[in-house]
PDB file of all heavy atoms in Angstrom:
ATOM      1  N   ARG A   1       1.858 -40.524  77.970  1.00  0.00           N
ATOM      2  CA  ARG A   1       2.158 -39.770  79.198  1.00  0.00           C
ATOM      3  C   ARG A   1       0.958 -39.382  79.992  1.00  0.00           C
ATOM      4  O   ARG A   1       0.991 -39.362  81.209  1.00  0.00           O
ATOM      5  CB  ARG A   1       3.059 -38.601  78.851  1.00  0.00           C
ATOM      6  CG  ARG A   1       4.431 -39.061  78.417  1.00  0.00           C
ATOM      7  CD  ARG A   1       5.297 -37.911  77.977  1.00  0.00           C
ATOM      8  NE  ARG A   1       6.675 -38.330  77.730  1.00  0.00           N
ATOM      9  CZ  ARG A   1       7.481 -37.731  76.854  1.00  0.00           C
ATOM     10  NH1 ARG A   1       7.062 -36.665  76.166  1.00  0.00           N
ATOM     11  NH2 ARG A   1       8.726 -38.143  76.717  1.00  0.00           N
ATOM     12  N   ALA A   2      -0.134 -39.069  79.326  1.00  0.00           N
ATOM     13  CA  ALA A   2      -1.371 -38.750  80.068  1.00  0.00           C
ATOM     14  C   ALA A   2      -1.874 -39.967  80.846  1.00  0.00           C
ATOM     15  O   ALA A   2      -2.389 -39.819  81.976  1.00  0.00           O
ATOM     16  CB  ALA A   2      -2.431 -38.290  79.131  1.00  0.00           C
ATOM     17  N   GLU A   3      -1.679 -41.117  80.288  1.00  0.00           N
ATOM     18  CA  GLU A   3      -2.184 -42.363  80.924  1.00  0.00           C
ATOM     19  C   GLU A   3      -1.230 -42.971  81.891  1.00  0.00           C
ATOM     20  O   GLU A   3      -1.662 -43.564  82.913  1.00  0.00           O
ATOM     21  CB  GLU A   3      -2.619 -43.376  79.874  1.00  0.00           C
ATOM     22  CG  GLU A   3      -3.828 -42.973  79.109  1.00  0.00           C
ATOM     23  CD  GLU A   3      -4.333 -44.050  78.176  1.00  0.00           C
ATOM     24  OE1 GLU A   3      -4.079 -45.258  78.408  1.00  0.00           O
ATOM     25  OE2 GLU A   3      -5.067 -43.697  77.235  1.00  0.00           O
ATOM     26  N   PHE A   4       0.069 -42.951  81.641  1.00  0.00           N
ATOM     27  CA  PHE A   4       0.997 -43.728  82.393  1.00  0.00           C
ATOM     28  C   PHE A   4       2.088 -42.979  83.169  1.00  0.00           C
ATOM     29  O   PHE A   4       2.669 -43.504  84.089  1.00  0.00           O
ATOM     30  CB  PHE A   4       1.709 -44.733  81.454  1.00  0.00           C
ATOM     31  CG  PHE A   4       0.747 -45.642  80.728  1.00  0.00           C
ATOM     32  CD1 PHE A   4       0.832 -45.771  79.367  1.00  0.00           C
ATOM     33  CD2 PHE A   4      -0.195 -46.391  81.392  1.00  0.00           C
ATOM     34  CE1 PHE A   4      -0.009 -46.617  78.674  1.00  0.00           C
ATOM     35  CE2 PHE A   4      -1.070 -47.226  80.722  1.00  0.00           C
ATOM     36  CZ  PHE A   4      -0.945 -47.335  79.344  1.00  0.00           C
ATOM     37  N   ALA A   5       2.414 -41.749  82.744  1.00  0.00           N
ATOM     38  CA  ALA A   5       3.522 -41.049  83.375  1.00  0.00           C
ATOM     39  C   ALA A   5       3.200 -40.701  84.840  1.00  0.00           C
ATOM     40  O   ALA A   5       2.024 -40.401  85.182  1.00  0.00           O
ATOM     41  CB  ALA A   5       3.862 -39.774  82.612  1.00  0.00           C
ATOM     42  N   GLU A   6       4.232 -40.777  85.667  1.00  0.00           N
ATOM     43  CA  GLU A   6       4.070 -40.434  87.067  1.00  0.00           C
ATOM     44  C   GLU A   6       4.436 -39.013  87.405  1.00  0.00           C
ATOM     45  O   GLU A   6       3.940 -38.473  88.396  1.00  0.00           O
ATOM     46  CB  GLU A   6       4.880 -41.417  87.932  1.00  0.00           C
ATOM     47  CG  GLU A   6       4.385 -42.847  87.745  1.00  0.00           C
ATOM     48  CD  GLU A   6       5.075 -43.838  88.686  1.00  0.00           C
ATOM     49  OE1 GLU A   6       6.294 -43.884  88.738  1.00  0.00           O
ATOM     50  OE2 GLU A   6       4.297 -44.628  89.340  1.00  0.00           O
ATOM     51  N   SER A   7       5.266 -38.418  86.576  1.00  0.00           N
ATOM     52  CA  SER A   7       5.698 -37.021  86.806  1.00  0.00           C
ATOM     53  C   SER A   7       6.436 -36.555  85.548  1.00  0.00           C
ATOM     54  O   SER A   7       6.631 -37.327  84.617  1.00  0.00           O
ATOM     55  CB  SER A   7       6.643 -36.966  87.986  1.00  0.00           C
ATOM     56  OG  SER A   7       7.887 -37.646  87.726  1.00  0.00           O
ATOM     57  N   VAL A   8       6.897 -35.315  85.577  1.00  0.00           N
ATOM     58  CA  VAL A   8       7.692 -34.800  84.458  1.00  0.00           C
ATOM     59  C   VAL A   8       8.990 -35.608  84.302  1.00  0.00           C
ATOM     60  O   VAL A   8       9.375 -35.949  83.191  1.00  0.00           O
ATOM     61  CB  VAL A   8       8.053 -33.289  84.660  1.00  0.00           C
ATOM     62  CG1 VAL A   8       8.987 -32.830  83.590  1.00  0.00           C
ATOM     63  CG2 VAL A   8       6.786 -32.455  84.646  1.00  0.00           C
ATOM     64  N   GLY A   9       9.586 -35.984  85.381  1.00  0.00           N
ATOM     65  CA  GLY A   9      10.860 -36.739  85.346  1.00  0.00           C
ATOM     66  C   GLY A   9      10.634 -38.206  85.034  1.00  0.00           C
ATOM     67  O   GLY A   9      11.420 -38.828  84.339  1.00  0.00           O
ATOM     68  N   GLU A  10       9.533 -38.743  85.582  1.00  0.00           N
ATOM     69  CA  GLU A  10       9.232 -40.150  85.338  1.00  0.00           C
ATOM     70  C   GLU A  10       8.043 -40.212  84.361  1.00  0.00           C
ATOM     71  O   GLU A  10       6.918 -40.458  84.735  1.00  0.00           O
ATOM     72  CB  GLU A  10       8.967 -40.913  86.646  1.00  0.00           C
ATOM     73  CG  GLU A  10      10.174 -40.937  87.537  1.00  0.00           C
ATOM     74  CD  GLU A  10      10.002 -41.772  88.801  1.00  0.00           C
ATOM     75  OE1 GLU A  10       8.977 -42.473  88.963  1.00  0.00           O
ATOM     76  OE2 GLU A  10      10.927 -41.679  89.627  1.00  0.00           O
ATOM     77  N   ASN A  11       8.363 -39.958  83.087  1.00  0.00           N
ATOM     78  CA  ASN A  11       7.327 -39.764  82.146  1.00  0.00           C
ATOM     79  C   ASN A  11       7.146 -40.937  81.138  1.00  0.00           C
ATOM     80  O   ASN A  11       6.617 -40.783  80.029  1.00  0.00           O
ATOM     81  CB  ASN A  11       7.463 -38.474  81.386  1.00  0.00           C
ATOM     82  CG  ASN A  11       8.810 -38.364  80.622  1.00  0.00           C
ATOM     83  OD1 ASN A  11       9.423 -39.337  80.320  1.00  0.00           O
ATOM     84  ND2 ASN A  11       9.205 -37.123  80.364  1.00  0.00           N
ATOM     85  N   SER A  12       7.658 -42.119  81.499  1.00  0.00           N
ATOM     86  CA  SER A  12       7.402 -43.389  80.836  1.00  0.00           C
ATOM     87  C   SER A  12       8.062 -43.639  79.490  1.00  0.00           C
ATOM     88  O   SER A  12       8.361 -44.786  79.213  1.00  0.00           O
ATOM     89  CB  SER A  12       5.919 -43.679  80.721  1.00  0.00           C
ATOM     90  OG  SER A  12       5.290 -43.706  81.967  1.00  0.00           O
ATOM     91  N   VAL A  13       8.314 -42.596  78.699  1.00  0.00           N
ATOM     92  CA  VAL A  13       8.842 -42.819  77.386  1.00  0.00           C
ATOM     93  C   VAL A  13       9.785 -41.738  76.903  1.00  0.00           C
ATOM     94  O   VAL A  13       9.695 -40.576  77.373  1.00  0.00           O
ATOM     95  CB  VAL A  13       7.737 -42.997  76.280  1.00  0.00           C
ATOM     96  CG1 VAL A  13       7.072 -44.354  76.383  1.00  0.00           C
ATOM     97  CG2 VAL A  13       6.719 -41.880  76.393  1.00  0.00           C
ATOM     98  N   HIS A  14      10.679 -42.079  75.994  1.00  0.00           N
ATOM     99  CA  HIS A  14      11.521 -41.121  75.319  1.00  0.00           C
ATOM    100  C   HIS A  14      11.335 -41.381  73.831  1.00  0.00           C
ATOM    101  O   HIS A  14      11.183 -42.511  73.382  1.00  0.00           O
ATOM    102  CB  HIS A  14      13.007 -41.354  75.664  1.00  0.00           C
ATOM    103  CG  HIS A  14      13.982 -40.746  74.690  1.00  0.00           C
ATOM    104  ND1 HIS A  14      14.436 -39.460  74.870  1.00  0.00           N
ATOM    105  CD2 HIS A  14      14.568 -41.227  73.554  1.00  0.00           C
ATOM    106  CE1 HIS A  14      15.258 -39.165  73.852  1.00  0.00           C
ATOM    107  NE2 HIS A  14      15.322 -40.211  73.058  1.00  0.00           N
ATOM    108  N   GLY A  15      11.407 -40.297  73.012  1.00  0.00           N
ATOM    109  CA  GLY A  15      11.364 -40.483  71.574  1.00  0.00           C
ATOM    110  C   GLY A  15      12.184 -39.445  70.904  1.00  0.00           C
ATOM    111  O   GLY A  15      12.338 -38.312  71.376  1.00  0.00           O
ATOM    112  N   SER A  16      12.829 -39.814  69.787  1.00  0.00           N
ATOM    113  CA  SER A  16      13.639 -38.909  69.028  1.00  0.00           C
ATOM    114  C   SER A  16      12.842 -37.701  68.563  1.00  0.00           C
ATOM    115  O   SER A  16      11.634 -37.812  68.223  1.00  0.00           O
ATOM    116  CB  SER A  16      14.183 -39.611  67.780  1.00  0.00           C
ATOM    117  OG  SER A  16      15.004 -40.729  68.149  1.00  0.00           O
ATOM    118  N   ASP A  17      13.538 -36.558  68.428  1.00  0.00           N
ATOM    119  CA  ASP A  17      12.823 -35.333  68.037  1.00  0.00           C
ATOM    120  C   ASP A  17      13.097 -34.901  66.606  1.00  0.00           C
ATOM    121  O   ASP A  17      12.488 -33.947  66.142  1.00  0.00           O
ATOM    122  CB  ASP A  17      13.190 -34.216  69.000  1.00  0.00           C
ATOM    123  CG  ASP A  17      14.679 -33.860  69.016  1.00  0.00           C
ATOM    124  OD1 ASP A  17      15.454 -34.500  68.253  1.00  0.00           O
ATOM    125  OD2 ASP A  17      15.063 -32.971  69.802  1.00  0.00           O
ATOM    126  N   ALA A  18      13.989 -35.581  65.907  1.00  0.00           N
ATOM    127  CA  ALA A  18      14.320 -35.170  64.531  1.00  0.00           C
ATOM    128  C   ALA A  18      14.985 -36.368  63.819  1.00  0.00           C
ATOM    129  O   ALA A  18      15.502 -37.257  64.460  1.00  0.00           O
ATOM    130  CB  ALA A  18      15.242 -33.937  64.554  1.00  0.00           C
ATOM    131  N   PRO A  19      15.000 -36.354  62.479  1.00  0.00           N
ATOM    132  CA  PRO A  19      15.624 -37.480  61.773  1.00  0.00           C
ATOM    133  C   PRO A  19      17.105 -37.642  62.122  1.00  0.00           C
ATOM    134  O   PRO A  19      17.561 -38.785  62.284  1.00  0.00           O
ATOM    135  CB  PRO A  19      15.474 -37.047  60.298  1.00  0.00           C
ATOM    136  CG  PRO A  19      14.308 -36.129  60.261  1.00  0.00           C
ATOM    137  CD  PRO A  19      14.308 -35.409  61.585  1.00  0.00           C
ATOM    138  N   GLU A  20      17.852 -36.582  62.353  1.00  0.00           N
ATOM    139  CA  GLU A  20      19.268 -36.657  62.668  1.00  0.00           C
ATOM    140  C   GLU A  20      19.441 -37.291  64.061  1.00  0.00           C
ATOM    141  O   GLU A  20      20.282 -38.110  64.268  1.00  0.00           O
ATOM    142  CB  GLU A  20      19.885 -35.281  62.663  1.00  0.00           C
ATOM    143  CG  GLU A  20      19.797 -34.558  61.315  1.00  0.00           C
ATOM    144  CD  GLU A  20      18.473 -33.923  60.984  1.00  0.00           C
ATOM    145  OE1 GLU A  20      17.681 -33.686  61.936  1.00  0.00           O
ATOM    146  OE2 GLU A  20      18.183 -33.728  59.819  1.00  0.00           O
ATOM    147  N   THR A  21      18.588 -36.884  64.997  1.00  0.00           N
ATOM    148  CA  THR A  21      18.662 -37.470  66.330  1.00  0.00           C
ATOM    149  C   THR A  21      18.265 -38.905  66.304  1.00  0.00           C
ATOM    150  O   THR A  21      18.917 -39.753  66.966  1.00  0.00           O
ATOM    151  CB  THR A  21      17.673 -36.674  67.280  1.00  0.00           C
ATOM    152  OG1 THR A  21      17.958 -35.285  67.153  1.00  0.00           O
ATOM    153  CG2 THR A  21      17.885 -37.093  68.709  1.00  0.00           C
ATOM    154  N   ALA A  22      17.232 -39.244  65.573  1.00  0.00           N
ATOM    155  CA  ALA A  22      16.816 -40.654  65.460  1.00  0.00           C
ATOM    156  C   ALA A  22      17.927 -41.513  64.945  1.00  0.00           C
ATOM    157  O   ALA A  22      18.195 -42.628  65.506  1.00  0.00           O
ATOM    158  CB  ALA A  22      15.604 -40.756  64.541  1.00  0.00           C
ATOM    159  N   ALA A  23      18.622 -41.079  63.899  1.00  0.00           N
ATOM    160  CA  ALA A  23      19.728 -41.872  63.333  1.00  0.00           C
ATOM    161  C   ALA A  23      20.837 -42.097  64.388  1.00  0.00           C
ATOM    162  O   ALA A  23      21.355 -43.229  64.539  1.00  0.00           O
ATOM    163  CB  ALA A  23      20.313 -41.170  62.117  1.00  0.00           C
ATOM    164  N   ILE A  24      21.197 -41.085  65.117  1.00  0.00           N
ATOM    165  CA  ILE A  24      22.233 -41.178  66.166  1.00  0.00           C
ATOM    166  C   ILE A  24      21.786 -42.131  67.290  1.00  0.00           C
ATOM    167  O   ILE A  24      22.494 -43.002  67.760  1.00  0.00           O
ATOM    168  CB  ILE A  24      22.588 -39.815  66.726  1.00  0.00           C
ATOM    169  CG1 ILE A  24      23.308 -39.014  65.654  1.00  0.00           C
ATOM    170  CG2 ILE A  24      23.455 -39.939  67.979  1.00  0.00           C
ATOM    171  CD1 ILE A  24      23.410 -37.516  65.934  1.00  0.00           C
TER     172      ILE A  24
END
């Protein structure tokens, strides 16, 4: 995000925040 994000909304990536979320 420091290198590629354009804004808070256009922040280049999403990632799971917990094992349960990742599984879903």
